[in-house]
């Protein structure tokens, strides 16, 4: 058997069988997962299923008032005629109706076309941001706090021994200065 075939077979066998530490890891995870009670497991599954199947309120679609100013744009806020210059009354009436109806139906059309793709996009974006916050940012900050703790202790000692006495001296010098305010008429 040539050496290259032996190496390929050895590597393939090694890759097909997981390393020993993986067995220990999976066993410890199984043992940890068995420590949860059945009630805790059912409660967790119930919370997940409730968050997915929660009823949506079709009447109050903005309960937190995040789009407060959007619906307040009316015809009178956009188009106005001064008292000296007036258009024909029928033009004014039809302009009002055209503005109101077109605003309503164009919004509905755009939400019908782009609503689902954009909600998917925003869901993916916020899921990705949550993933980054949980799995990247928070551990990095925790790691930096842990690593910089060794630098903070000497810096704190330097501050206590050098900077604090200098600041106390400056405070004593300027603490004895008194000012007077005079009013001159």
Protein backbone atom coordinates (compact mmCIF):
# COMPACT_ATOMS: atom_id res chain seq x y z
CA UNK A 1 0.00 0.00 0.00
CA UNK A 2 1.53 3.36 -1.01
CA UNK A 3 2.19 5.89 1.76
CA UNK A 4 -0.19 8.49 0.31
CA UNK A 5 -3.12 6.04 0.37
CA UNK A 6 -2.25 5.12 3.97
CA UNK A 7 -2.19 8.79 4.97
CA UNK A 8 -5.52 9.46 3.25
CA UNK A 9 -7.14 6.46 4.95
CA UNK A 10 -5.70 7.44 8.34
CA UNK A 11 -6.94 11.01 8.01
CA UNK A 12 -10.35 9.84 6.80
CA UNK A 13 -10.62 7.46 9.76
CA UNK A 14 -9.54 10.18 12.17
CA UNK A 15 -12.07 12.65 10.72
CA UNK A 16 -14.89 10.12 10.77
CA UNK A 17 -14.38 9.36 14.46
CA UNK A 18 -14.71 12.40 16.72
CA UNK A 19 -11.90 13.19 19.14
CA UNK A 20 -12.08 12.08 22.75
CA UNK A 21 -12.75 15.56 24.12
CA UNK A 22 -15.94 15.71 22.03
CA UNK A 23 -17.25 12.62 23.85
CA UNK A 24 -16.53 14.27 27.21
CA UNK A 25 -18.20 17.49 26.10
CA UNK A 26 -21.33 15.75 24.81
CA UNK A 27 -21.53 13.60 27.95
CA UNK A 28 -21.24 16.63 30.23
CA UNK A 29 -23.87 18.51 28.20
CA UNK A 30 -26.22 15.53 28.41
CA UNK A 31 -25.65 15.29 32.13
CA UNK A 32 -26.31 19.03 32.54
CA UNK A 33 -29.47 18.88 30.45
CA UNK A 34 -30.77 16.01 32.61
CA UNK A 35 -30.57 18.23 35.71
CA UNK A 36 -33.51 20.33 34.48
CA UNK A 37 -36.84 19.24 35.77
CA UNK A 38 -39.64 18.27 33.44
CA UNK A 39 -41.62 21.36 34.56
CA UNK A 40 -38.73 23.69 33.62
CA UNK A 41 -38.42 22.04 30.22
CA UNK A 42 -42.16 22.28 29.57
CA UNK A 43 -42.23 25.90 30.77
CA UNK A 44 -39.40 26.82 28.38
CA UNK A 45 -41.14 25.12 25.45
CA UNK A 46 -44.40 26.89 26.35
CA UNK A 47 -42.68 30.30 26.41
CA UNK A 48 -41.15 29.67 22.99
CA UNK A 49 -44.43 28.53 21.46
CA UNK A 50 -46.33 31.47 23.05
CA UNK A 51 -43.87 33.98 21.61
CA UNK A 52 -44.44 32.59 18.12
CA UNK A 53 -48.23 32.17 18.29
CA UNK A 54 -49.10 35.38 20.15
CA UNK A 55 -52.26 37.04 18.90
CA UNK A 56 -51.79 40.31 17.08
CA UNK A 57 -54.05 43.28 17.78
CA UNK A 58 -55.47 44.38 14.44
CA UNK A 59 -57.18 47.45 15.92
CA UNK A 60 -54.24 49.02 17.77
CA UNK A 61 -51.27 48.48 15.46
CA UNK A 62 -49.00 50.99 17.23
CA UNK A 63 -49.48 50.37 20.97
CA UNK A 64 -46.12 51.94 21.86
CA UNK A 65 -46.73 55.06 19.72
CA UNK A 66 -43.47 54.77 17.76
CA UNK A 67 -44.96 56.25 14.57
CA UNK A 68 -46.70 59.09 16.32
CA UNK A 69 -46.19 61.86 13.76
CA UNK A 70 -46.71 59.87 10.56
CA UNK A 71 -50.52 59.80 10.58
CA UNK A 72 -50.76 63.51 11.40
CA UNK A 73 -49.80 64.60 7.88
CA UNK A 74 -53.05 65.69 6.33
CA UNK A 75 -54.02 67.70 3.27
CA UNK A 76 -54.08 70.94 5.27
CA UNK A 77 -50.52 70.32 6.51
CA UNK A 78 -49.17 69.97 2.97
CA UNK A 79 -51.31 72.18 0.73
CA UNK A 80 -52.67 75.55 1.82
CA UNK A 81 -53.96 78.58 -0.03
CA UNK A 82 -53.75 82.05 1.44
CA UNK A 83 -56.86 84.20 1.70
CA UNK A 84 -55.94 86.39 -1.28
CA UNK A 85 -55.33 83.54 -3.73
CA UNK A 86 -58.01 80.88 -4.08
CA UNK A 87 -58.61 78.12 -6.59
CA UNK A 88 -62.02 77.02 -7.81
CA UNK A 89 -64.00 75.21 -5.09
CA UNK A 90 -64.42 72.00 -7.07
CA UNK A 91 -60.64 71.85 -7.69
CA UNK A 92 -60.01 72.28 -3.96
CA UNK A 93 -62.52 69.53 -3.07
CA UNK A 94 -61.17 67.07 -5.65
CA UNK A 95 -57.59 67.89 -4.70
CA UNK A 96 -58.44 67.03 -1.10
CA UNK A 97 -60.09 63.75 -2.12
CA UNK A 98 -57.27 62.86 -4.51
CA UNK A 99 -54.62 63.53 -1.87
CA UNK A 100 -56.41 61.55 0.83
CA UNK A 101 -57.34 58.55 -1.32
CA UNK A 102 -53.98 58.36 -3.10
CA UNK A 103 -52.12 58.56 0.22
CA UNK A 104 -54.27 55.75 1.57
CA UNK A 105 -54.08 53.42 -1.45
CA UNK A 106 -50.44 54.04 -2.35
CA UNK A 107 -49.52 53.21 1.24
CA UNK A 108 -51.57 50.00 1.04
CA UNK A 109 -50.03 49.09 -2.31
CA UNK A 110 -46.48 49.67 -1.09
CA UNK A 111 -47.10 47.64 2.06
CA UNK A 112 -48.62 44.83 -0.03
CA UNK A 113 -45.55 44.75 -2.28
CA UNK A 114 -42.73 45.50 0.15
CA UNK A 115 -44.22 44.66 3.57
CA UNK A 116 -43.28 40.99 3.75
CA UNK A 117 -39.80 41.28 2.22
CA UNK A 118 -38.94 44.24 4.45
CA UNK A 119 -40.30 42.52 7.56
CA UNK A 120 -38.11 39.53 6.67
CA UNK A 121 -35.14 41.84 6.18
CA UNK A 122 -35.72 43.64 9.49
CA UNK A 123 -36.25 40.34 11.29
CA UNK A 124 -32.96 39.02 9.90
CA UNK A 125 -31.16 42.25 10.77
CA UNK A 126 -32.39 42.33 14.37
CA UNK A 127 -31.72 38.61 14.76
CA UNK A 128 -28.16 39.21 13.52
CA UNK A 129 -27.73 42.19 15.87
CA UNK A 130 -29.04 40.11 18.78
CA UNK A 131 -26.64 37.33 17.83
CA UNK A 132 -23.73 39.79 17.74
CA UNK A 133 -24.69 41.31 21.09
CA UNK A 134 -25.05 37.94 22.80
CA UNK A 135 -22.22 35.98 21.20
CA UNK A 136 -19.64 38.65 20.27
CA UNK A 137 -20.01 42.01 22.02
CA UNK A 138 -20.91 40.87 25.54
CA UNK A 139 -18.14 38.23 25.73
CA UNK A 140 -15.60 40.72 24.33
CA UNK A 141 -16.54 43.31 26.93
CA UNK A 142 -16.40 40.71 29.68
CA UNK A 143 -13.00 39.55 28.39
CA UNK A 144 -11.67 43.10 28.26
CA UNK A 145 -12.85 43.77 31.80
CA UNK A 146 -11.11 40.63 32.94
CA UNK A 147 -7.89 41.38 31.03
CA UNK A 148 -7.68 45.04 31.98
CA UNK A 149 -8.26 44.31 35.64
CA UNK A 150 -4.53 43.65 36.01
CA UNK A 151 -3.85 47.12 34.55
CA UNK A 152 -6.47 48.85 36.66
CA UNK A 153 -4.96 47.91 40.01
CA UNK A 154 -1.56 49.58 39.38
CA UNK A 155 -3.27 52.58 37.79
CA UNK A 156 -5.51 52.92 40.84
CA UNK A 157 -2.46 52.81 43.12
CA UNK A 158 -0.71 55.51 41.07
CA UNK A 159 -3.83 57.63 41.27
CA UNK A 160 -4.03 57.22 45.03
CA UNK A 161 -0.34 57.94 45.66
CA UNK A 162 0.41 60.68 43.11
CA UNK A 163 -2.68 62.34 41.71
CA UNK A 164 -4.76 62.56 44.90
CA UNK A 165 -2.09 64.42 46.93
CA UNK A 166 -1.49 66.87 44.07
CA UNK A 167 -5.20 67.59 43.79
CA UNK A 168 -5.50 68.02 47.55
CA UNK A 169 -2.63 70.53 47.46
CA UNK A 170 -4.26 72.48 44.63
CA UNK A 171 -7.56 72.46 46.55
CA UNK A 172 -5.86 73.89 49.66
CA UNK A 173 -4.16 76.63 47.65
CA UNK A 174 -7.32 77.71 45.89
CA UNK A 175 -9.53 77.00 48.90
CA UNK A 176 -8.01 79.93 50.79
CA UNK A 177 -8.76 82.41 48.02
CA UNK A 178 -11.79 84.52 48.77
CA UNK A 179 -13.60 86.72 46.31
CA UNK A 180 -15.81 89.69 46.81
CA UNK A 181 -18.59 90.87 44.61
CA UNK A 182 -19.47 94.55 44.62
CA UNK A 183 -22.39 96.22 43.07
CA UNK A 184 -21.65 99.50 41.48
CA UNK A 185 -24.51 101.78 40.78
